[in-house]
Amino acid sequence: LTEANMKGESNWKLEYILTQAYDIKDLQPESL
């Protein structure tokens, strides 16, 4: 939002992929 307000335009980006960010195999209860 800070960048968007400065530039006057929006640029949506991928923030993270959950399994890759935390090195887990899936989103099952045991993994979390």
All heavy atoms as atom14 arrays in JSON, in Angstrom:
{
  "sequence": "LTEANMKGESNWKLEYILTQAYDIKDLQPESL",
  "atom14_mask": [
    [1, 1, 1, 1, 1, 1, 1, 1, 0, 0, 0, 0, 0, 0],
    [1, 1, 1, 1, 1, 1, 1, 0, 0, 0, 0, 0, 0, 0],
    [1, 1, 1, 1, 1, 1, 1, 1, 1, 0, 0, 0, 0, 0],
    [1, 1, 1, 1, 1, 0, 0, 0, 0, 0, 0, 0, 0, 0],
    [1, 1, 1, 1, 1, 1, 1, 1, 0, 0, 0, 0, 0, 0],
    [1, 1, 1, 1, 1, 1, 1, 1, 0, 0, 0, 0, 0, 0],
    [1, 1, 1, 1, 1, 1, 1, 1, 1, 0, 0, 0, 0, 0],
    [1, 1, 1, 1, 0, 0, 0, 0, 0, 0, 0, 0, 0, 0],
    [1, 1, 1, 1, 1, 1, 1, 1, 1, 0, 0, 0, 0, 0],
    [1, 1, 1, 1, 1, 1, 0, 0, 0, 0, 0, 0, 0, 0],
    [1, 1, 1, 1, 1, 1, 1, 1, 0, 0, 0, 0, 0, 0],
    [1, 1, 1, 1, 1, 1, 1, 1, 1, 1, 1, 1, 1, 1],
    [1, 1, 1, 1, 1, 1, 1, 1, 1, 0, 0, 0, 0, 0],
    [1, 1, 1, 1, 1, 1, 1, 1, 0, 0, 0, 0, 0, 0],
    [1, 1, 1, 1, 1, 1, 1, 1, 1, 0, 0, 0, 0, 0],
    [1, 1, 1, 1, 1, 1, 1, 1, 1, 1, 1, 1, 0, 0],
    [1, 1, 1, 1, 1, 1, 1, 1, 0, 0, 0, 0, 0, 0],
    [1, 1, 1, 1, 1, 1, 1, 1, 0, 0, 0, 0, 0, 0],
    [1, 1, 1, 1, 1, 1, 1, 0, 0, 0, 0, 0, 0, 0],
    [1, 1, 1, 1, 1, 1, 1, 1, 1, 0, 0, 0, 0, 0],
    [1, 1, 1, 1, 1, 0, 0, 0, 0, 0, 0, 0, 0, 0],
    [1, 1, 1, 1, 1, 1, 1, 1, 1, 1, 1, 1, 0, 0],
    [1, 1, 1, 1, 1, 1, 1, 1, 0, 0, 0, 0, 0, 0],
    [1, 1, 1, 1, 1, 1, 1, 1, 0, 0, 0, 0, 0, 0],
    [1, 1, 1, 1, 1, 1, 1, 1, 1, 0, 0, 0, 0, 0],
    [1, 1, 1, 1, 1, 1, 1, 1, 0, 0, 0, 0, 0, 0],
    [1, 1, 1, 1, 1, 1, 1, 1, 0, 0, 0, 0, 0, 0],
    [1, 1, 1, 1, 1, 1, 1, 1, 1, 0, 0, 0, 0, 0],
    [1, 1, 1, 1, 1, 1, 1, 0, 0, 0, 0, 0, 0, 0],
    [1, 1, 1, 1, 1, 1, 1, 1, 1, 0, 0, 0, 0, 0],
    [1, 1, 1, 1, 1, 1, 0, 0, 0, 0, 0, 0, 0, 0],
    [1, 1, 1, 1, 1, 1, 1, 1, 0, 0, 0, 0, 0, 0]
  ],
  "atom14_positions": [
    [[0.81, -1.21, 0.0], [0.0, 0.0, 0.0], [0.85, 1.27, 0.0], [0.51, 2.26, -0.65], [-0.93, -0.01, 1.21], [-2.19, 0.85, 1.14], [-3.04, 0.48, -0.06], [-3.0, 0.69, 2.42], [0.0, 0.0, 0.0], [0.0, 0.0, 0.0], [0.0, 0.0, 0.0], [0.0, 0.0, 0.0], [0.0, 0.0, 0.0], [0.0, 0.0, 0.0]],
    [[1.97, 1.23, 0.73], [2.87, 2.38, 0.77], [3.4, 2.68, -0.63], [3.39, 3.82, -1.1], [4.04, 2.12, 1.73], [3.53, 1.74, 3.01], [4.92, 3.35, 1.88], [0.0, 0.0, 0.0], [0.0, 0.0, 0.0], [0.0, 0.0, 0.0], [0.0, 0.0, 0.0], [0.0, 0.0, 0.0], [0.0, 0.0, 0.0], [0.0, 0.0, 0.0]],
    [[3.84, 1.63, -1.3], [4.37, 1.77, -2.66], [3.29, 2.23, -3.63], [3.52, 3.1, -4.48], [4.95, 0.42, -3.11], [5.6, 0.41, -4.47], [6.08, -0.98, -4.86], [7.22, -1.33, -4.51], [5.28, -1.72, -5.48], [0.0, 0.0, 0.0], [0.0, 0.0, 0.0], [0.0, 0.0, 0.0], [0.0, 0.0, 0.0], [0.0, 0.0, 0.0]],
    [[2.1, 1.66, -3.49], [0.98, 2.02, -4.38], [0.6, 3.49, -4.22], [0.3, 4.17, -5.21], [-0.21, 1.12, -4.09], [0.0, 0.0, 0.0], [0.0, 0.0, 0.0], [0.0, 0.0, 0.0], [0.0, 0.0, 0.0], [0.0, 0.0, 0.0], [0.0, 0.0, 0.0], [0.0, 0.0, 0.0], [0.0, 0.0, 0.0], [0.0, 0.0, 0.0]],
    [[0.6, 3.98, -2.99], [0.26, 5.39, -2.75], [1.33, 6.33, -3.3], [1.02, 7.41, -3.81], [0.08, 5.64, -1.25], [-1.24, 5.08, -0.73], [-2.21, 5.01, -1.47], [-1.27, 4.67, 0.52], [0.0, 0.0, 0.0], [0.0, 0.0, 0.0], [0.0, 0.0, 0.0], [0.0, 0.0, 0.0], [0.0, 0.0, 0.0], [0.0, 0.0, 0.0]],
    [[2.58, 5.9, -3.23], [3.67, 6.73, -3.75], [3.64, 6.81, -5.28], [3.83, 7.87, -5.87], [5.02, 6.15, -3.29], [5.35, 6.44, -1.83], [6.81, 5.53, -1.23], [8.01, 5.92, -2.49], [0.0, 0.0, 0.0], [0.0, 0.0, 0.0], [0.0, 0.0, 0.0], [0.0, 0.0, 0.0], [0.0, 0.0, 0.0], [0.0, 0.0, 0.0]],
    [[3.36, 5.66, -5.92], [3.38, 5.59, -7.37], [2.04, 5.94, -8.01], [1.97, 6.19, -9.22], [3.81, 4.2, -7.83], [5.25, 3.85, -7.47], [5.63, 2.48, -8.01], [7.1, 2.16, -7.73], [7.46, 0.8, -8.21], [0.0, 0.0, 0.0], [0.0, 0.0, 0.0], [0.0, 0.0, 0.0], [0.0, 0.0, 0.0], [0.0, 0.0, 0.0]],
    [[0.99, 5.9, -7.21], [-0.34, 6.18, -7.75], [-0.89, 5.07, -8.61], [-1.79, 5.29, -9.43], [0.0, 0.0, 0.0], [0.0, 0.0, 0.0], [0.0, 0.0, 0.0], [0.0, 0.0, 0.0], [0.0, 0.0, 0.0], [0.0, 0.0, 0.0], [0.0, 0.0, 0.0], [0.0, 0.0, 0.0], [0.0, 0.0, 0.0], [0.0, 0.0, 0.0]],
    [[-0.38, 3.85, -8.42], [-0.88, 2.68, -9.16], [-0.7, 1.43, -8.3], [0.18, 1.37, -7.44], [-0.15, 2.52, -10.49], [1.35, 2.33, -10.35], [2.06, 2.24, -11.69], [1.64, 2.93, -12.64], [3.04, 1.47, -11.78], [0.0, 0.0, 0.0], [0.0, 0.0, 0.0], [0.0, 0.0, 0.0], [0.0, 0.0, 0.0], [0.0, 0.0, 0.0]],
    [[-1.55, 0.44, -8.55], [-1.5, -0.79, -7.77], [-0.75, -1.88, -8.52], [-0.89, -2.01, -9.74], [-2.92, -1.27, -7.43], [-3.66, -1.49, -8.61], [0.0, 0.0, 0.0], [0.0, 0.0, 0.0], [0.0, 0.0, 0.0], [0.0, 0.0, 0.0], [0.0, 0.0, 0.0], [0.0, 0.0, 0.0], [0.0, 0.0, 0.0], [0.0, 0.0, 0.0]],
    [[0.03, -2.65, -7.79], [0.79, -3.75, -8.36], [0.72, -4.94, -7.4], [1.53, -5.05, -6.48], [2.24, -3.33, -8.61], [3.06, -4.45, -9.25], [2.5, -5.36, -9.87], [4.37, -4.4, -9.09], [0.0, 0.0, 0.0], [0.0, 0.0, 0.0], [0.0, 0.0, 0.0], [0.0, 0.0, 0.0], [0.0, 0.0, 0.0], [0.0, 0.0, 0.0]],
    [[-0.27, -5.78, -7.62], [-0.46, -6.94, -6.74], [0.63, -7.98, -7.01], [0.94, -8.28, -8.16], [-1.83, -7.56, -6.95], [-2.94, -6.72, -6.39], [-3.51, -5.62, -6.96], [-3.58, -6.91, -5.13], [-4.48, -5.12, -6.14], [-4.56, -5.89, -5.01], [-3.45, -7.84, -4.1], [-5.39, -5.77, -3.9], [-4.28, -7.72, -2.99], [-5.23, -6.7, -2.9]],
    [[1.2, -8.53, -5.93], [2.29, -9.5, -6.05], [2.01, -10.73, -5.19], [1.24, -10.68, -4.24], [3.61, -8.87, -5.58], [4.04, -7.63, -6.34], [5.28, -7.02, -5.68], [5.69, -5.72, -6.35], [6.83, -5.08, -5.63], [0.0, 0.0, 0.0], [0.0, 0.0, 0.0], [0.0, 0.0, 0.0], [0.0, 0.0, 0.0], [0.0, 0.0, 0.0]],
    [[2.69, -11.81, -5.55], [2.67, -13.01, -4.71], [3.5, -12.73, -3.46], [4.68, -12.4, -3.56], [3.23, -14.21, -5.48], [3.32, -15.52, -4.7], [1.94, -16.07, -4.37], [4.11, -16.56, -5.52], [0.0, 0.0, 0.0], [0.0, 0.0, 0.0], [0.0, 0.0, 0.0], [0.0, 0.0, 0.0], [0.0, 0.0, 0.0], [0.0, 0.0, 0.0]],
    [[2.88, -12.84, -2.31], [3.62, -12.62, -1.06], [4.34, -13.9, -0.63], [5.53, -13.89, -0.34], [2.66, -12.17, 0.05], [3.39, -11.82, 1.34], [2.43, -11.51, 2.49], [1.24, -11.9, 2.4], [2.87, -10.9, 3.46], [0.0, 0.0, 0.0], [0.0, 0.0, 0.0], [0.0, 0.0, 0.0], [0.0, 0.0, 0.0], [0.0, 0.0, 0.0]],
    [[3.6, -15.01, -0.61], [4.23, -16.3, -0.27], [3.34, -17.46, -0.67], [2.13, -17.3, -0.85], [4.55, -16.38, 1.23], [3.35, -16.47, 2.15], [2.83, -17.7, 2.54], [2.75, -15.31, 2.66], [1.74, -17.79, 3.4], [1.66, -15.38, 3.51], [1.15, -16.63, 3.88], [0.07, -16.71, 4.73], [0.0, 0.0, 0.0], [0.0, 0.0, 0.0]],
    [[3.96, -18.62, -0.83], [3.27, -19.89, -0.99], [3.5, -20.65, 0.31], [4.64, -20.85, 0.72], [3.8, -20.69, -2.19], [3.6, -19.87, -3.48], [3.12, -22.04, -2.29], [4.26, -20.49, -4.7], [0.0, 0.0, 0.0], [0.0, 0.0, 0.0], [0.0, 0.0, 0.0], [0.0, 0.0, 0.0], [0.0, 0.0, 0.0], [0.0, 0.0, 0.0]],
    [[2.44, -21.06, 0.98], [2.55, -21.5, 2.36], [3.51, -22.67, 2.55], [4.36, -22.64, 3.44], [1.16, -21.84, 2.92], [1.05, -21.89, 4.44], [-0.32, -21.4, 4.91], [1.3, -23.28, 4.99], [0.0, 0.0, 0.0], [0.0, 0.0, 0.0], [0.0, 0.0, 0.0], [0.0, 0.0, 0.0], [0.0, 0.0, 0.0], [0.0, 0.0, 0.0]],
    [[3.39, -23.71, 1.74], [4.26, -24.87, 1.93], [5.73, -24.53, 1.7], [6.61, -25.05, 2.39], [3.86, -26.03, 1.01], [3.91, -25.59, -0.36], [2.46, -26.55, 1.32], [0.0, 0.0, 0.0], [0.0, 0.0, 0.0], [0.0, 0.0, 0.0], [0.0, 0.0, 0.0], [0.0, 0.0, 0.0], [0.0, 0.0, 0.0], [0.0, 0.0, 0.0]],
    [[5.99, -23.65, 0.73], [7.37, -23.27, 0.43], [7.92, -22.32, 1.49], [9.1, -22.43, 1.88], [7.45, -22.61, -0.95], [7.12, -23.56, -2.09], [7.17, -22.87, -3.45], [7.76, -21.8, -3.6], [6.54, -23.48, -4.45], [0.0, 0.0, 0.0], [0.0, 0.0, 0.0], [0.0, 0.0, 0.0], [0.0, 0.0, 0.0], [0.0, 0.0, 0.0]],
    [[7.1, -21.42, 1.97], [7.56, -20.44, 2.97], [7.98, -21.12, 4.26], [8.94, -20.7, 4.91], [6.45, -19.43, 3.25], [0.0, 0.0, 0.0], [0.0, 0.0, 0.0], [0.0, 0.0, 0.0], [0.0, 0.0, 0.0], [0.0, 0.0, 0.0], [0.0, 0.0, 0.0], [0.0, 0.0, 0.0], [0.0, 0.0, 0.0], [0.0, 0.0, 0.0]],
    [[7.26, -22.2, 4.63], [7.53, -22.85, 5.92], [8.09, -24.25, 5.8], [8.28, -24.94, 6.82], [6.23, -22.89, 6.74], [5.68, -21.53, 7.06], [4.43, -21.13, 6.58], [6.39, -20.62, 7.85], [3.91, -19.87, 6.88], [5.88, -19.37, 8.15], [4.64, -19.0, 7.66], [4.14, -17.77, 7.96], [0.0, 0.0, 0.0], [0.0, 0.0, 0.0]],
    [[8.34, -24.69, 4.57], [8.92, -26.02, 4.32], [8.08, -27.13, 4.97], [8.57, -27.95, 5.74], [10.36, -26.07, 4.83], [11.1, -27.33, 4.35], [10.73, -27.86, 3.29], [12.03, -27.77, 5.05], [0.0, 0.0, 0.0], [0.0, 0.0, 0.0], [0.0, 0.0, 0.0], [0.0, 0.0, 0.0], [0.0, 0.0, 0.0], [0.0, 0.0, 0.0]],
    [[6.77, -27.12, 4.65], [5.89, -28.2, 5.09], [5.26, -28.84, 3.85], [5.25, -28.25, 2.78], [4.8, -27.7, 6.06], [3.95, -26.59, 5.42], [5.41, -27.22, 7.37], [2.78, -26.11, 6.28], [0.0, 0.0, 0.0], [0.0, 0.0, 0.0], [0.0, 0.0, 0.0], [0.0, 0.0, 0.0], [0.0, 0.0, 0.0], [0.0, 0.0, 0.0]],
    [[4.74, -30.06, 4.0], [4.31, -30.81, 2.81], [2.91, -30.45, 2.32], [2.62, -30.57, 1.13], [4.42, -32.32, 3.04], [3.46, -32.89, 4.06], [3.56, -34.42, 4.07], [2.51, -35.03, 5.01], [2.52, -36.52, 4.94], [0.0, 0.0, 0.0], [0.0, 0.0, 0.0], [0.0, 0.0, 0.0], [0.0, 0.0, 0.0], [0.0, 0.0, 0.0]],
    [[2.02, -30.03, 3.25], [0.66, -29.69, 2.85], [0.01, -28.85, 3.94], [0.7, -28.4, 4.87], [-0.17, -30.94, 2.55], [-0.17, -31.94, 3.7], [-0.09, -31.51, 4.88], [-0.28, -33.16, 3.45], [0.0, 0.0, 0.0], [0.0, 0.0, 0.0], [0.0, 0.0, 0.0], [0.0, 0.0, 0.0], [0.0, 0.0, 0.0], [0.0, 0.0, 0.0]],
    [[-1.3, -28.66, 3.85], [-2.02, -27.83, 4.82], [-2.85, -28.67, 5.79], [-3.77, -28.15, 6.43], [-2.93, -26.84, 4.08], [-2.31, -25.5, 3.63], [-1.09, -25.72, 2.77], [-3.33, -24.65, 2.9], [0.0, 0.0, 0.0], [0.0, 0.0, 0.0], [0.0, 0.0, 0.0], [0.0, 0.0, 0.0], [0.0, 0.0, 0.0], [0.0, 0.0, 0.0]],
    [[-2.52, -29.94, 5.91], [-3.26, -30.8, 6.8], [-2.95, -30.47, 8.27], [-1.9, -29.89, 8.57], [-2.93, -32.26, 6.5], [-3.45, -32.73, 5.15], [-4.93, -32.41, 4.98], [-5.77, -32.94, 5.68], [-5.25, -31.52, 4.05], [0.0, 0.0, 0.0], [0.0, 0.0, 0.0], [0.0, 0.0, 0.0], [0.0, 0.0, 0.0], [0.0, 0.0, 0.0]],
    [[-3.87, -30.82, 9.18], [-3.7, -30.44, 10.59], [-2.36, -30.86, 11.18], [-1.74, -30.11, 11.93], [-4.86, -31.16, 11.28], [-5.89, -31.36, 10.22], [-5.14, -31.54, 8.94], [0.0, 0.0, 0.0], [0.0, 0.0, 0.0], [0.0, 0.0, 0.0], [0.0, 0.0, 0.0], [0.0, 0.0, 0.0], [0.0, 0.0, 0.0], [0.0, 0.0, 0.0]],
    [[-1.89, -32.06, 10.83], [-0.62, -32.54, 11.37], [0.54, -31.65, 10.93], [1.45, -31.35, 11.71], [-0.36, -33.99, 10.93], [-1.39, -35.0, 11.41], [-2.66, -35.05, 10.56], [-2.71, -34.33, 9.53], [-3.59, -35.77, 10.92], [0.0, 0.0, 0.0], [0.0, 0.0, 0.0], [0.0, 0.0, 0.0], [0.0, 0.0, 0.0], [0.0, 0.0, 0.0]],
    [[0.5, -31.21, 9.67], [1.56, -30.35, 9.15], [1.56, -28.99, 9.84], [2.61, -28.47, 10.22], [1.4, -30.16, 7.63], [1.51, -31.39, 6.95], [0.0, 0.0, 0.0], [0.0, 0.0, 0.0], [0.0, 0.0, 0.0], [0.0, 0.0, 0.0], [0.0, 0.0, 0.0], [0.0, 0.0, 0.0], [0.0, 0.0, 0.0], [0.0, 0.0, 0.0]],
    [[0.37, -28.4, 10.0], [0.27, -27.09, 10.64], [0.61, -27.17, 12.13], [1.22, -26.25, 12.69], [-1.12, -26.5, 10.45], [-1.54, -26.16, 9.02], [-2.88, -25.43, 9.02], [-0.49, -25.31, 8.32], [0.0, 0.0, 0.0], [0.0, 0.0, 0.0], [0.0, 0.0, 0.0], [0.0, 0.0, 0.0], [0.0, 0.0, 0.0], [0.0, 0.0, 0.0]]
  ]
}
